[in-house]
Amino acid sequence: MKITSTGTPATTPAAPVAPAAPVAAPVAASATAGASAAGSLLRTARAQLQQMPEIDAAKVAEVRAALERGEIGFDADKLAQLIERYHGSRG
C-alpha cells in the first residue's frame, strides 16, 4: 500500500466484477414478464452478494500493518469525536 502526501492510502482499484447476466434493452412486454425478469436479476445479484466476504480481511491486515509501521497517522481523540458526533446522545 502506498501512502499519499495527504496521509490517505492510495490503493489500486479492485478487479471489476463481471455482470451476472446481460442486461437486455427494454422491450414492450407485460408487467408480469418485466417483474419476473427483475425478480430473476435480483435473485442473481443477491446470490452473488452472499458469496462475497463481509469484510476484506486482506485490506484490514494491510491497514493494520501500515498503522503499526507508522505510515498512517491515528488520532484517538478525533476518532472519539467522530463516534460521538455520529451516535449523538443516544446513550
N, C-alpha and C. Protein backbone atom coordinates (compact mmCIF):
# COMPACT_ATOMS: atom_id res chain seq x y z
N MET A 1 0.86 -1.16 0.00
CA MET A 1 0.00 0.00 0.00
C MET A 1 0.89 1.21 0.00
N LYS A 2 0.55 2.18 -0.83
CA LYS A 2 1.30 3.42 -0.91
C LYS A 2 0.53 4.50 -0.17
N ILE A 3 1.21 5.26 0.65
CA ILE A 3 0.59 6.35 1.39
C ILE A 3 0.87 7.65 0.63
N THR A 4 -0.18 8.40 0.33
CA THR A 4 -0.01 9.66 -0.38
C THR A 4 0.39 10.76 0.57
N SER A 5 0.74 11.91 0.03
CA SER A 5 1.18 13.02 0.86
C SER A 5 0.08 13.55 1.77
N THR A 6 -1.18 13.25 1.44
CA THR A 6 -2.29 13.70 2.28
C THR A 6 -2.52 12.75 3.44
N GLY A 7 -1.78 11.67 3.50
CA GLY A 7 -1.94 10.72 4.59
C GLY A 7 -2.98 9.66 4.31
N THR A 8 -3.60 9.71 3.13
CA THR A 8 -4.59 8.69 2.81
C THR A 8 -3.94 7.63 1.94
N PRO A 9 -4.31 6.38 2.13
CA PRO A 9 -3.70 5.31 1.35
C PRO A 9 -4.13 5.40 -0.11
N ALA A 10 -3.20 5.21 -1.01
CA ALA A 10 -3.52 5.14 -2.43
C ALA A 10 -3.59 3.67 -2.79
N THR A 11 -4.76 3.21 -3.12
CA THR A 11 -4.93 1.80 -3.42
C THR A 11 -5.28 1.62 -4.87
N THR A 12 -4.99 0.45 -5.37
CA THR A 12 -5.39 0.15 -6.74
C THR A 12 -6.84 -0.32 -6.72
N PRO A 13 -7.59 0.01 -7.76
CA PRO A 13 -9.00 -0.40 -7.77
C PRO A 13 -9.12 -1.91 -7.79
N ALA A 14 -10.18 -2.39 -7.17
CA ALA A 14 -10.44 -3.83 -7.15
C ALA A 14 -10.77 -4.29 -8.56
N ALA A 15 -10.56 -5.56 -8.80
CA ALA A 15 -10.88 -6.12 -10.11
C ALA A 15 -12.37 -5.97 -10.37
N PRO A 16 -12.73 -5.60 -11.60
CA PRO A 16 -14.15 -5.42 -11.89
C PRO A 16 -14.91 -6.73 -11.77
N VAL A 17 -16.12 -6.64 -11.32
CA VAL A 17 -16.97 -7.81 -11.18
C VAL A 17 -17.78 -7.95 -12.44
N ALA A 18 -17.73 -9.12 -13.01
CA ALA A 18 -18.49 -9.36 -14.23
C ALA A 18 -19.98 -9.36 -13.92
N PRO A 19 -20.78 -8.77 -14.81
CA PRO A 19 -22.23 -8.77 -14.57
C PRO A 19 -22.77 -10.19 -14.53
N ALA A 20 -23.77 -10.39 -13.71
CA ALA A 20 -24.35 -11.72 -13.54
C ALA A 20 -25.03 -12.20 -14.81
N ALA A 21 -25.74 -11.31 -15.45
CA ALA A 21 -26.45 -11.66 -16.67
C ALA A 21 -26.48 -10.45 -17.55
N PRO A 22 -26.49 -10.65 -18.87
CA PRO A 22 -26.54 -9.49 -19.75
C PRO A 22 -27.83 -8.72 -19.52
N VAL A 23 -27.71 -7.41 -19.59
CA VAL A 23 -28.87 -6.56 -19.40
C VAL A 23 -29.44 -6.27 -20.78
N ALA A 24 -30.64 -6.70 -21.00
CA ALA A 24 -31.28 -6.52 -22.30
C ALA A 24 -31.92 -5.15 -22.39
N ALA A 25 -32.04 -4.65 -23.60
CA ALA A 25 -32.71 -3.38 -23.82
C ALA A 25 -34.18 -3.54 -23.49
N PRO A 26 -34.82 -2.47 -23.01
CA PRO A 26 -36.24 -2.56 -22.67
C PRO A 26 -37.07 -2.95 -23.90
N VAL A 27 -38.00 -3.83 -23.67
CA VAL A 27 -38.88 -4.29 -24.73
C VAL A 27 -40.31 -4.16 -24.23
N ALA A 28 -41.20 -3.88 -25.14
CA ALA A 28 -42.60 -3.80 -24.75
C ALA A 28 -43.06 -5.20 -24.34
N ALA A 29 -43.42 -5.36 -23.07
CA ALA A 29 -43.86 -6.65 -22.57
C ALA A 29 -44.88 -6.40 -21.47
N SER A 30 -45.49 -7.45 -21.03
CA SER A 30 -46.48 -7.29 -19.96
C SER A 30 -45.79 -6.98 -18.65
N ALA A 31 -46.51 -6.43 -17.70
CA ALA A 31 -45.95 -6.09 -16.39
C ALA A 31 -45.45 -7.34 -15.69
N THR A 32 -46.12 -8.45 -15.89
CA THR A 32 -45.73 -9.70 -15.25
C THR A 32 -44.36 -10.17 -15.75
N ALA A 33 -44.14 -10.08 -17.05
CA ALA A 33 -42.86 -10.51 -17.61
C ALA A 33 -41.74 -9.61 -17.11
N GLY A 34 -41.99 -8.31 -17.02
CA GLY A 34 -40.98 -7.38 -16.53
C GLY A 34 -40.65 -7.64 -15.08
N ALA A 35 -41.69 -7.90 -14.28
CA ALA A 35 -41.49 -8.18 -12.87
C ALA A 35 -40.72 -9.48 -12.69
N SER A 36 -41.01 -10.46 -13.53
CA SER A 36 -40.34 -11.75 -13.45
C SER A 36 -38.85 -11.59 -13.78
N ALA A 37 -38.55 -10.82 -14.81
CA ALA A 37 -37.16 -10.60 -15.20
C ALA A 37 -36.42 -9.84 -14.10
N ALA A 38 -37.07 -8.84 -13.53
CA ALA A 38 -36.46 -8.07 -12.45
C ALA A 38 -36.22 -8.96 -11.23
N GLY A 39 -37.18 -9.81 -10.93
CA GLY A 39 -37.03 -10.74 -9.80
C GLY A 39 -35.87 -11.69 -10.01
N SER A 40 -35.73 -12.16 -11.23
CA SER A 40 -34.64 -13.08 -11.56
C SER A 40 -33.30 -12.38 -11.42
N LEU A 41 -33.21 -11.15 -11.91
CA LEU A 41 -31.98 -10.39 -11.80
C LEU A 41 -31.64 -10.12 -10.34
N LEU A 42 -32.65 -9.79 -9.55
CA LEU A 42 -32.45 -9.52 -8.13
C LEU A 42 -31.96 -10.78 -7.41
N ARG A 43 -32.55 -11.93 -7.72
CA ARG A 43 -32.11 -13.19 -7.08
C ARG A 43 -30.64 -13.48 -7.43
N THR A 44 -30.27 -13.25 -8.69
CA THR A 44 -28.89 -13.49 -9.11
C THR A 44 -27.93 -12.55 -8.37
N ALA A 45 -28.32 -11.28 -8.27
CA ALA A 45 -27.47 -10.31 -7.57
C ALA A 45 -27.33 -10.66 -6.10
N ARG A 46 -28.42 -11.07 -5.47
CA ARG A 46 -28.36 -11.46 -4.05
C ARG A 46 -27.45 -12.66 -3.84
N ALA A 47 -27.54 -13.64 -4.74
CA ALA A 47 -26.70 -14.83 -4.63
C ALA A 47 -25.23 -14.46 -4.74
N GLN A 48 -24.90 -13.57 -5.67
CA GLN A 48 -23.51 -13.14 -5.81
C GLN A 48 -23.04 -12.36 -4.59
N LEU A 49 -23.91 -11.53 -4.06
CA LEU A 49 -23.56 -10.73 -2.87
C LEU A 49 -23.31 -11.64 -1.67
N GLN A 50 -24.10 -12.68 -1.52
CA GLN A 50 -23.93 -13.60 -0.40
C GLN A 50 -22.62 -14.37 -0.48
N GLN A 51 -22.05 -14.51 -1.68
CA GLN A 51 -20.79 -15.22 -1.84
C GLN A 51 -19.59 -14.34 -1.50
N MET A 52 -19.80 -13.04 -1.45
CA MET A 52 -18.70 -12.11 -1.14
C MET A 52 -18.47 -12.04 0.36
N PRO A 53 -17.20 -11.90 0.77
CA PRO A 53 -16.94 -11.76 2.20
C PRO A 53 -17.47 -10.42 2.69
N GLU A 54 -17.95 -10.40 3.93
CA GLU A 54 -18.49 -9.17 4.50
C GLU A 54 -17.36 -8.18 4.81
N ILE A 55 -16.20 -8.71 5.15
CA ILE A 55 -15.04 -7.88 5.48
C ILE A 55 -13.88 -8.32 4.60
N ASP A 56 -13.17 -7.37 4.04
CA ASP A 56 -12.00 -7.66 3.23
C ASP A 56 -10.82 -7.85 4.18
N ALA A 57 -10.59 -9.08 4.59
CA ALA A 57 -9.57 -9.39 5.59
C ALA A 57 -8.18 -8.95 5.13
N ALA A 58 -7.89 -9.08 3.86
CA ALA A 58 -6.57 -8.68 3.36
C ALA A 58 -6.38 -7.18 3.50
N LYS A 59 -7.42 -6.41 3.22
CA LYS A 59 -7.34 -4.96 3.34
C LYS A 59 -7.19 -4.55 4.81
N VAL A 60 -7.90 -5.23 5.69
CA VAL A 60 -7.78 -4.95 7.13
C VAL A 60 -6.34 -5.20 7.59
N ALA A 61 -5.77 -6.30 7.18
CA ALA A 61 -4.40 -6.64 7.56
C ALA A 61 -3.41 -5.61 7.00
N GLU A 62 -3.66 -5.16 5.78
CA GLU A 62 -2.79 -4.17 5.14
C GLU A 62 -2.83 -2.84 5.90
N VAL A 63 -4.01 -2.39 6.27
CA VAL A 63 -4.15 -1.13 7.01
C VAL A 63 -3.56 -1.27 8.41
N ARG A 64 -3.80 -2.40 9.06
CA ARG A 64 -3.25 -2.63 10.40
C ARG A 64 -1.73 -2.57 10.37
N ALA A 65 -1.13 -3.21 9.37
CA ALA A 65 0.33 -3.22 9.26
C ALA A 65 0.86 -1.80 9.01
N ALA A 66 0.17 -1.04 8.17
CA ALA A 66 0.59 0.34 7.89
C ALA A 66 0.50 1.19 9.15
N LEU A 67 -0.52 0.97 9.96
CA LEU A 67 -0.64 1.69 11.24
C LEU A 67 0.52 1.34 12.15
N GLU A 68 0.85 0.05 12.23
CA GLU A 68 1.95 -0.39 13.10
C GLU A 68 3.29 0.17 12.65
N ARG A 69 3.47 0.33 11.33
CA ARG A 69 4.73 0.88 10.81
C ARG A 69 4.75 2.40 10.91
N GLY A 70 3.65 3.01 11.30
CA GLY A 70 3.58 4.46 11.42
C GLY A 70 3.34 5.17 10.10
N GLU A 71 2.94 4.44 9.09
CA GLU A 71 2.70 5.04 7.78
C GLU A 71 1.37 5.77 7.72
N ILE A 72 0.47 5.45 8.63
CA ILE A 72 -0.83 6.10 8.70
C ILE A 72 -0.95 6.69 10.10
N GLY A 73 -1.32 7.95 10.15
CA GLY A 73 -1.49 8.59 11.45
C GLY A 73 -2.80 8.17 12.09
N PHE A 74 -2.82 8.17 13.41
CA PHE A 74 -4.03 7.81 14.14
C PHE A 74 -4.23 8.80 15.27
N ASP A 75 -5.39 9.42 15.32
CA ASP A 75 -5.71 10.39 16.35
C ASP A 75 -6.92 9.86 17.13
N ALA A 76 -6.68 9.29 18.30
CA ALA A 76 -7.74 8.69 19.10
C ALA A 76 -8.79 9.72 19.51
N ASP A 77 -8.36 10.95 19.81
CA ASP A 77 -9.31 12.00 20.19
C ASP A 77 -10.24 12.32 19.04
N LYS A 78 -9.69 12.42 17.84
CA LYS A 78 -10.50 12.72 16.66
C LYS A 78 -11.50 11.59 16.42
N LEU A 79 -11.06 10.36 16.55
CA LEU A 79 -11.95 9.22 16.38
C LEU A 79 -13.07 9.26 17.40
N ALA A 80 -12.74 9.55 18.64
CA ALA A 80 -13.77 9.64 19.69
C ALA A 80 -14.78 10.73 19.37
N GLN A 81 -14.32 11.86 18.87
CA GLN A 81 -15.23 12.95 18.50
C GLN A 81 -16.15 12.53 17.37
N LEU A 82 -15.61 11.86 16.38
CA LEU A 82 -16.41 11.41 15.24
C LEU A 82 -17.46 10.38 15.67
N ILE A 83 -17.06 9.47 16.54
CA ILE A 83 -18.01 8.46 17.03
C ILE A 83 -19.11 9.14 17.83
N GLU A 84 -18.72 10.08 18.67
CA GLU A 84 -19.70 10.80 19.48
C GLU A 84 -20.65 11.61 18.60
N ARG A 85 -20.11 12.25 17.58
CA ARG A 85 -20.95 13.04 16.68
C ARG A 85 -21.91 12.13 15.91
N TYR A 86 -21.41 10.98 15.46
CA TYR A 86 -22.25 10.05 14.70
C TYR A 86 -23.39 9.50 15.56
N HIS A 87 -23.04 9.06 16.76
CA HIS A 87 -24.04 8.44 17.61
C HIS A 87 -24.84 9.44 18.44
N GLY A 88 -24.33 10.65 18.53
CA GLY A 88 -25.03 11.68 19.28
C GLY A 88 -25.17 11.30 20.74
N SER A 89 -26.27 11.69 21.33
CA SER A 89 -26.50 11.39 22.75
C SER A 89 -27.52 10.27 22.90
N ARG A 90 -27.34 9.22 22.10
CA ARG A 90 -28.27 8.07 22.17
C ARG A 90 -27.88 7.10 23.27
N GLY A 91 -27.26 7.56 24.30
CA GLY A 91 -26.75 6.73 25.36
C GLY A 91 -27.74 6.03 26.13
